[in-house]
N, C-alpha and C. Protein backbone atom coordinates (compact mmCIF):
# COMPACT_ATOMS: atom_id res chain seq x y z
N MET A 1 -19.27 13.62 19.35
CA MET A 1 -18.25 12.76 19.54
C MET A 1 -17.41 14.32 20.34
N ARG A 2 -17.00 13.51 21.33
CA ARG A 2 -16.41 14.17 22.72
C ARG A 2 -15.16 14.96 22.33
N ALA A 3 -14.37 15.83 23.03
CA ALA A 3 -13.21 16.55 22.58
C ALA A 3 -12.32 15.35 22.88
N SER A 4 -12.10 14.60 23.58
CA SER A 4 -11.14 13.86 23.51
C SER A 4 -11.05 12.55 22.59
N GLU A 5 -12.33 12.64 22.08
CA GLU A 5 -12.62 11.46 20.92
C GLU A 5 -11.95 12.09 19.59
N SER A 6 -12.00 13.47 19.77
CA SER A 6 -11.86 13.71 18.17
C SER A 6 -10.53 14.52 18.64
N SER A 7 -9.80 14.58 19.19
CA SER A 7 -8.36 14.65 19.40
C SER A 7 -7.48 13.48 18.98
N LEU A 8 -8.33 11.99 19.28
CA LEU A 8 -7.95 11.03 18.73
C LEU A 8 -7.86 10.87 17.34
N VAL A 9 -8.99 11.20 17.22
CA VAL A 9 -9.48 11.06 15.51
C VAL A 9 -8.17 11.77 14.80
N PHE A 10 -8.08 13.05 15.12
CA PHE A 10 -7.28 14.11 14.77
C PHE A 10 -5.43 13.20 14.60
N LEU A 11 -5.06 12.97 15.59
CA LEU A 11 -4.04 12.35 15.72
C LEU A 11 -4.00 10.80 14.87
N MET A 12 -4.93 9.91 14.97
CA MET A 12 -4.62 9.19 13.53
C MET A 12 -4.88 9.56 12.45
N LEU A 13 -5.54 10.32 11.95
CA LEU A 13 -5.68 11.20 11.06
C LEU A 13 -4.26 11.71 10.68
N LEU A 14 -3.29 12.36 11.39
CA LEU A 14 -2.02 12.88 11.25
C LEU A 14 -0.81 11.72 10.70
N LEU A 15 -1.49 10.77 11.71
CA LEU A 15 -0.21 9.55 11.47
C LEU A 15 -0.40 9.11 10.57
N THR A 16 -1.96 9.07 9.78
CA THR A 16 -2.23 7.92 8.20
C THR A 16 -1.62 8.96 7.66
N LEU A 17 -1.73 10.35 7.21
CA LEU A 17 -1.14 11.32 6.39
C LEU A 17 0.40 11.18 6.34
N GLU A 18 1.04 11.25 7.64
CA GLU A 18 2.47 10.85 7.20
C GLU A 18 2.85 9.65 6.82
N ASN A 19 1.85 8.80 7.04
CA ASN A 19 2.00 7.10 6.54
C ASN A 19 1.78 7.31 4.99
N SER A 20 1.24 8.51 4.53
CA SER A 20 1.08 7.99 2.79
C SER A 20 1.90 9.49 2.54
N GLN A 21 2.35 10.17 2.96
CA GLN A 21 3.50 10.88 2.67
C GLN A 21 4.87 10.60 2.83
N GLY A 22 5.26 9.24 3.41
CA GLY A 22 6.69 8.76 2.96
C GLY A 22 7.48 8.99 4.19
N GLY A 23 6.39 8.96 5.20
CA GLY A 23 6.94 9.27 6.71
C GLY A 23 6.95 10.91 6.83
N LYS A 24 6.93 12.00 6.36
CA LYS A 24 7.28 13.48 6.34
C LYS A 24 6.14 13.66 7.75
N THR A 25 6.17 14.55 8.67
CA THR A 25 5.65 14.80 9.75
C THR A 25 5.08 16.22 9.32
N HIS A 26 4.02 16.70 9.97
CA HIS A 26 3.42 17.79 9.71
C HIS A 26 4.10 18.80 10.89
N THR A 27 4.19 20.21 10.38
CA THR A 27 4.92 21.38 11.62
C THR A 27 4.37 20.99 12.56
N GLY A 28 5.28 21.06 13.65
CA GLY A 28 4.70 21.03 15.20
C GLY A 28 4.02 19.71 15.65
N TRP A 29 4.10 18.93 15.20
CA TRP A 29 3.50 17.15 15.63
C TRP A 29 4.98 16.47 15.61
N ARG A 30 5.03 16.15 16.63
CA ARG A 30 5.87 14.89 17.34
C ARG A 30 5.73 13.58 17.26
N PRO A 31 6.27 12.50 16.68
CA PRO A 31 5.72 11.29 17.11
C PRO A 31 5.35 11.03 18.73
N GLN A 32 6.56 11.38 19.21
CA GLN A 32 7.02 10.98 20.62
C GLN A 32 5.63 11.67 21.32
N ARG A 33 4.84 12.53 21.33
CA ARG A 33 3.48 13.03 21.59
C ARG A 33 2.25 11.87 21.52
N ILE A 34 2.58 11.01 21.12
CA ILE A 34 1.28 10.27 20.65
C ILE A 34 0.77 9.62 21.86
N LYS A 35 1.24 9.33 22.65
CA LYS A 35 0.60 8.61 24.20
C LYS A 35 -0.38 9.36 24.72
N LYS A 36 -0.06 11.21 24.78
CA LYS A 36 -0.99 12.00 25.66
C LYS A 36 -1.63 12.81 24.50
N LEU A 37 -2.68 12.97 24.75
CA LEU A 37 -3.61 13.34 23.66
C LEU A 37 -4.34 14.44 24.74
N LYS A 38 -5.11 15.88 24.36
CA LYS A 38 -5.88 16.84 24.90
C LYS A 38 -7.02 16.00 25.89
N ALA A 39 -7.36 16.49 26.63
CA ALA A 39 -8.49 16.06 27.35
C ALA A 39 -8.07 14.79 28.06
N GLY A 40 -6.99 14.56 28.47
CA GLY A 40 -6.35 13.35 29.49
C GLY A 40 -6.58 12.24 28.34
N LEU A 41 -7.03 11.99 27.56
CA LEU A 41 -7.11 10.38 26.79
C LEU A 41 -5.68 10.41 26.60
N GLN A 42 -5.55 8.87 26.86
CA GLN A 42 -3.86 8.25 26.60
C GLN A 42 -4.30 7.13 26.00
N LEU A 43 -3.23 6.59 24.84
CA LEU A 43 -3.06 5.10 24.33
C LEU A 43 -2.32 4.75 24.93
N PRO A 44 -2.19 3.22 24.80
CA PRO A 44 -1.16 2.65 25.36
C PRO A 44 -0.53 2.12 24.47
N ILE A 45 0.63 3.23 24.10
CA ILE A 45 1.18 2.86 22.61
C ILE A 45 2.14 3.88 22.17
N THR A 46 3.39 3.96 22.23
CA THR A 46 4.62 4.96 22.21
C THR A 46 4.76 4.80 20.34
N ALA A 47 5.64 5.70 20.30
CA ALA A 47 6.04 5.87 19.03
C ALA A 47 6.87 4.51 18.52
N GLN A 48 7.58 4.11 19.29
CA GLN A 48 8.17 2.96 19.05
C GLN A 48 7.31 1.42 18.70
N ASP A 49 6.21 1.83 19.29
CA ASP A 49 5.31 0.29 18.97
C ASP A 49 4.90 0.51 17.65
N ILE A 50 4.38 1.88 17.01
CA ILE A 50 3.95 2.00 15.57
C ILE A 50 4.89 1.88 14.74
N GLY A 51 6.04 2.28 15.12
CA GLY A 51 7.13 2.16 14.02
C GLY A 51 7.01 3.10 12.88
N LYS A 52 7.80 2.72 12.04
CA LYS A 52 8.20 3.44 10.91
C LYS A 52 7.51 2.42 9.58
N PRO A 53 6.59 3.29 8.91
CA PRO A 53 5.84 2.30 7.68
C PRO A 53 7.09 2.45 6.35
N TRP A 54 6.81 1.29 5.67
CA TRP A 54 7.64 1.01 4.96
C TRP A 54 7.11 0.30 3.55
N CYS A 55 7.30 0.60 2.53
CA CYS A 55 7.20 -0.28 1.34
C CYS A 55 7.71 -0.52 0.25
N ARG A 56 8.36 -1.55 0.20
CA ARG A 56 9.22 -1.28 -1.18
C ARG A 56 8.73 -2.68 -2.39
N MET A 57 9.47 -2.22 -3.40
CA MET A 57 9.21 -3.11 -4.68
C MET A 57 10.31 -3.85 -4.94
N LYS A 58 10.30 -5.49 -5.23
CA LYS A 58 11.44 -6.20 -5.78
C LYS A 58 11.20 -7.11 -6.93
N ALA A 59 12.02 -7.26 -8.23
CA ALA A 59 11.79 -7.54 -8.92
C ALA A 59 11.56 -9.23 -8.69
N PHE A 60 10.72 -10.09 -9.75
CA PHE A 60 10.65 -11.42 -10.07
C PHE A 60 10.23 -11.62 -11.54
N PRO A 61 10.29 -13.09 -11.46
CA PRO A 61 10.61 -13.49 -12.86
C PRO A 61 8.88 -13.76 -13.12
N GLN A 62 8.06 -13.32 -14.06
CA GLN A 62 6.62 -13.79 -14.63
C GLN A 62 6.93 -14.71 -15.87
N THR A 63 6.07 -15.83 -15.62
CA THR A 63 6.47 -16.59 -16.68
C THR A 63 4.98 -16.34 -17.54
N ILE A 64 4.57 -15.78 -18.83
CA ILE A 64 3.54 -15.56 -19.80
C ILE A 64 3.11 -16.83 -20.58
N ARG A 65 2.29 -17.58 -20.03
CA ARG A 65 1.99 -18.82 -20.96
C ARG A 65 0.41 -18.68 -21.64
N ARG A 66 0.57 -19.69 -22.69
CA ARG A 66 -1.07 -19.57 -23.16
C ARG A 66 -0.68 -20.75 -23.73
N ARG A 67 -1.75 -21.64 -23.69
CA ARG A 67 -2.17 -22.77 -24.47
C ARG A 67 -1.88 -22.94 -25.74
N GLY A 68 -1.14 -23.66 -26.31
CA GLY A 68 -0.47 -23.56 -27.68
C GLY A 68 0.58 -23.04 -28.30
N CYS A 69 1.46 -22.31 -27.03
CA CYS A 69 2.25 -21.21 -27.49
C CYS A 69 3.58 -21.41 -26.54
N GLU A 70 4.57 -20.71 -26.76
CA GLU A 70 5.75 -20.90 -25.96
C GLU A 70 5.73 -20.27 -25.01
N ALA A 71 5.93 -20.26 -23.54
CA ALA A 71 6.14 -19.62 -22.64
C ALA A 71 7.09 -18.56 -23.08
N ARG A 72 6.96 -17.51 -22.02
CA ARG A 72 8.13 -16.28 -22.08
C ARG A 72 8.27 -15.71 -20.49
N THR A 73 9.61 -15.55 -20.00
CA THR A 73 9.56 -14.99 -19.31
C THR A 73 10.32 -13.69 -18.90
N ILE A 74 9.14 -12.73 -18.01
CA ILE A 74 10.02 -11.16 -17.94
C ILE A 74 9.95 -10.87 -16.56
N THR A 75 10.67 -9.88 -16.66
CA THR A 75 10.44 -9.00 -15.29
C THR A 75 9.54 -8.17 -15.08
N ASN A 76 9.16 -8.75 -13.63
CA ASN A 76 7.99 -7.76 -12.99
C ASN A 76 8.70 -7.51 -11.59
N ASN A 77 7.62 -6.72 -11.08
CA ASN A 77 7.98 -6.38 -9.65
C ASN A 77 7.01 -6.21 -8.59
N ILE A 78 6.89 -6.53 -7.55
CA ILE A 78 5.99 -6.92 -6.36
C ILE A 78 6.08 -5.90 -5.74
N CYS A 79 5.26 -5.59 -4.78
CA CYS A 79 5.17 -4.44 -3.76
C CYS A 79 4.93 -5.66 -2.54
N TYR A 80 5.65 -5.29 -1.38
CA TYR A 80 5.52 -5.67 0.00
C TYR A 80 6.36 -4.54 0.68
N GLY A 81 5.74 -4.82 2.15
CA GLY A 81 5.74 -3.74 3.12
C GLY A 81 4.96 -3.93 4.15
N GLN A 82 5.37 -3.43 5.42
CA GLN A 82 4.05 -2.91 6.84
C GLN A 82 4.03 -1.40 6.71
N CYS A 83 2.66 -1.34 6.27
CA CYS A 83 2.30 0.23 6.42
C CYS A 83 0.85 -0.21 8.06
N ARG A 84 0.72 1.10 8.56
CA ARG A 84 0.11 1.36 9.48
C ARG A 84 -1.64 1.38 9.34
N SER A 85 -2.23 0.46 10.67
CA SER A 85 -3.50 0.62 10.51
C SER A 85 -3.83 0.76 11.76
N PHE A 86 -5.08 1.58 12.00
CA PHE A 86 -5.39 1.61 13.43
C PHE A 86 -7.04 1.21 13.59
N TYR A 87 -7.23 0.79 15.02
CA TYR A 87 -8.97 0.36 15.20
C TYR A 87 -8.80 0.75 16.40
N ILE A 88 -9.61 1.61 16.75
CA ILE A 88 -10.20 2.07 18.14
C ILE A 88 -11.35 2.38 18.64
N PRO A 89 -11.54 1.50 19.81
CA PRO A 89 -13.35 1.78 19.96
C PRO A 89 -13.45 2.93 20.36
N LEU A 90 -14.51 3.33 20.09
CA LEU A 90 -14.71 4.85 21.02
C LEU A 90 -16.33 5.19 21.52
N ARG A 91 -16.68 5.82 22.24
CA ARG A 91 -18.07 6.04 22.51
C ARG A 91 -19.04 5.60 21.99
N LYS A 92 -18.86 6.23 21.18
CA LYS A 92 -20.35 6.61 19.83
C LYS A 92 -19.85 6.35 18.51
N ILE A 93 -18.45 6.10 18.02
CA ILE A 93 -18.07 5.47 16.78
C ILE A 93 -16.99 4.80 17.23
N GLU A 94 -16.45 4.03 16.02
CA GLU A 94 -15.11 3.18 16.18
C GLU A 94 -14.40 4.00 15.07
N PHE A 95 -13.15 3.98 15.44
CA PHE A 95 -12.54 5.25 14.59
C PHE A 95 -11.06 3.84 14.01
N GLU A 96 -11.41 3.88 12.53
CA GLU A 96 -10.65 2.78 11.83
C GLU A 96 -9.74 3.38 10.68
N SER A 97 -8.49 3.33 10.72
CA SER A 97 -7.60 4.06 9.74
C SER A 97 -6.97 2.43 9.17
N CYS A 98 -6.73 2.54 7.62
CA CYS A 98 -6.00 1.54 7.01
C CYS A 98 -4.80 1.85 5.91
N SER A 99 -4.03 1.53 5.68
CA SER A 99 -3.15 1.55 4.62
C SER A 99 -2.37 0.14 4.22
N PHE A 100 -2.08 0.38 3.20
CA PHE A 100 -1.42 -1.18 2.58
C PHE A 100 -0.56 -0.76 1.88
N CYS A 101 0.41 -1.72 1.40
CA CYS A 101 1.38 -1.53 0.56
C CYS A 101 1.02 -1.86 -0.57
N THR A 102 1.13 -0.95 -2.13
CA THR A 102 0.27 -1.22 -3.14
C THR A 102 0.91 -0.75 -4.38
N PRO A 103 0.89 -1.14 -5.37
CA PRO A 103 1.71 -0.23 -6.38
C PRO A 103 0.54 1.17 -6.89
N VAL A 104 1.44 2.18 -6.97
CA VAL A 104 1.16 3.06 -7.37
C VAL A 104 1.52 3.81 -9.03
N SER A 105 1.89 3.13 -9.59
CA SER A 105 2.22 3.33 -10.83
C SER A 105 2.78 2.10 -11.77
N SER A 106 2.37 2.05 -12.91
CA SER A 106 2.54 0.88 -13.64
C SER A 106 2.84 1.28 -15.36
N GLU A 107 3.52 0.35 -15.88
CA GLU A 107 3.42 0.41 -17.17
C GLU A 107 2.52 -0.57 -17.97
N THR A 108 2.52 -0.51 -19.10
CA THR A 108 1.93 -2.04 -19.95
C THR A 108 3.04 -2.52 -20.88
N GLU A 109 3.17 -3.86 -20.91
CA GLU A 109 4.67 -4.21 -21.70
C GLU A 109 4.03 -5.00 -22.47
N THR A 110 3.88 -5.29 -23.67
CA THR A 110 3.53 -6.16 -24.73
C THR A 110 4.59 -7.20 -24.99
N VAL A 111 3.96 -8.33 -24.71
CA VAL A 111 4.81 -9.61 -24.91
C VAL A 111 3.84 -10.23 -25.85
N VAL A 112 4.86 -10.65 -27.09
CA VAL A 112 4.49 -11.44 -27.80
C VAL A 112 5.23 -12.97 -27.74
N LEU A 113 3.87 -13.98 -27.92
CA LEU A 113 4.27 -15.61 -27.62
C LEU A 113 4.34 -16.07 -29.26
N ASN A 114 4.97 -16.96 -29.18
CA ASN A 114 5.09 -17.72 -30.62
C ASN A 114 4.45 -19.22 -30.17
N CYS A 115 3.47 -19.91 -31.28
CA CYS A 115 2.34 -20.41 -31.26
C CYS A 115 2.31 -21.44 -32.11
N PRO A 116 3.60 -22.42 -32.19
CA PRO A 116 3.78 -22.82 -33.26
C PRO A 116 3.03 -24.41 -33.24
N ASN A 117 2.19 -24.40 -32.26
CA ASN A 117 0.88 -25.69 -31.65
C ASN A 117 -0.24 -25.32 -32.21
N ARG A 118 -0.39 -24.12 -32.68
CA ARG A 118 -1.77 -23.32 -32.92
C ARG A 118 -1.98 -23.83 -34.25
N SER A 119 -3.24 -24.10 -34.86
CA SER A 119 -3.80 -24.13 -36.12
C SER A 119 -3.79 -23.08 -36.49
N PRO A 120 -3.98 -22.08 -37.64
CA PRO A 120 -2.34 -22.38 -38.10
C PRO A 120 -1.47 -21.91 -37.29
N PRO A 121 -0.32 -21.93 -37.24
CA PRO A 121 0.66 -21.47 -36.01
C PRO A 121 0.58 -19.86 -36.52
N SER A 122 1.24 -19.31 -35.41
CA SER A 122 0.90 -18.01 -35.13
C SER A 122 1.20 -17.29 -34.16
N ARG A 123 1.21 -16.22 -34.00
CA ARG A 123 1.66 -15.21 -32.75
C ARG A 123 0.68 -14.69 -32.12
N LEU A 124 0.95 -14.67 -30.53
CA LEU A 124 -0.30 -14.17 -29.86
C LEU A 124 0.09 -12.79 -29.03
N VAL A 125 -0.18 -11.96 -29.35
CA VAL A 125 0.32 -10.79 -28.44
C VAL A 125 -0.66 -10.53 -27.08
N LYS A 126 -0.03 -10.50 -26.11
CA LYS A 126 -0.22 -10.36 -24.40
C LYS A 126 -0.04 -8.97 -24.13
N LYS A 127 -0.93 -8.25 -23.18
CA LYS A 127 -0.99 -6.98 -22.96
C LYS A 127 -0.39 -7.54 -21.25
N VAL A 128 0.92 -7.02 -20.56
CA VAL A 128 1.34 -7.39 -19.14
C VAL A 128 1.53 -6.20 -18.36
N LYS A 129 0.64 -5.98 -17.18
CA LYS A 129 0.84 -4.71 -16.53
C LYS A 129 2.43 -5.04 -15.63
N ILE A 130 3.13 -4.19 -15.74
CA ILE A 130 4.41 -4.26 -14.99
C ILE A 130 4.47 -3.11 -14.11
N ILE A 131 4.67 -3.18 -12.80
CA ILE A 131 4.81 -2.09 -11.61
C ILE A 131 6.11 -1.63 -11.65
N THR A 132 5.81 0.03 -11.63
CA THR A 132 7.18 0.67 -11.56
C THR A 132 7.13 1.46 -10.31
N ALA A 133 6.33 1.52 -9.35
CA ALA A 133 6.61 1.90 -8.11
C ALA A 133 5.39 1.56 -6.85
N CYS A 134 6.02 1.51 -5.92
CA CYS A 134 4.93 1.25 -4.56
C CYS A 134 5.06 2.14 -3.86
N SER A 135 3.94 2.14 -2.70
CA SER A 135 4.05 2.76 -1.54
C SER A 135 2.84 2.45 -0.95
N CYS A 136 3.05 2.96 0.65
CA CYS A 136 1.52 2.77 1.71
C CYS A 136 0.88 3.56 1.13
N ARG A 137 -0.34 3.32 1.36
CA ARG A 137 -1.80 3.91 0.73
C ARG A 137 -2.83 3.43 1.66
N VAL A 138 -3.90 4.33 1.33
CA VAL A 138 -5.01 4.54 2.21
C VAL A 138 -6.30 2.90 1.57
N CYS A 139 -6.60 2.25 2.47
CA CYS A 139 -7.21 1.11 1.92
C CYS A 139 -8.59 1.46 1.18
N GLY A 140 -9.10 0.67 0.32
CA GLY A 140 -10.26 0.77 -0.35
C GLY A 140 -10.14 2.06 -1.58
N LYS A 141 -8.93 2.32 -1.77
CA LYS A 141 -8.93 2.96 -3.24
C LYS A 141 -8.69 2.12 -4.36
N LYS A 142 -8.35 2.69 -5.77
CA LYS A 142 -7.62 1.89 -6.40
C LYS A 142 -6.87 2.76 -6.87
N TYR A 143 -5.59 2.27 -7.29
CA TYR A 143 -4.31 3.37 -7.41
C TYR A 143 -4.32 3.17 -8.61
N ILE A 144 -3.98 1.87 -9.24
CA ILE A 144 -3.42 1.99 -11.01
C ILE A 144 -4.54 0.68 -11.52
């Protein structure tokens, strides 16, 4: 890898790390320096083009159903947002960096369904994953 390519990879790594730390930048690095890199390599992007990543959680009603049982609605959460991704073709390698808005913590809730239409009538216990926090994280890893 040439010096300019290694500088580019280092820069993208910094952006990815900043992304996964909720926007915190490393000491001495400023987003305004994105366009110019060492060894004269320039990217056709600015800090404004990249923007700030965001990932939020929002409540939604989730209905739990099972045949022969009464449906029950609980409150769960979804994760949504815009996280940073890069693809840069270089001379001998390509540089890819991907992050996405994903749940990073959850709890398991027990939901009991009444099942009067089953023979014999009974109750059914269901375990449901409830999302409790979301964040931009690196693609390809399982977090919860």
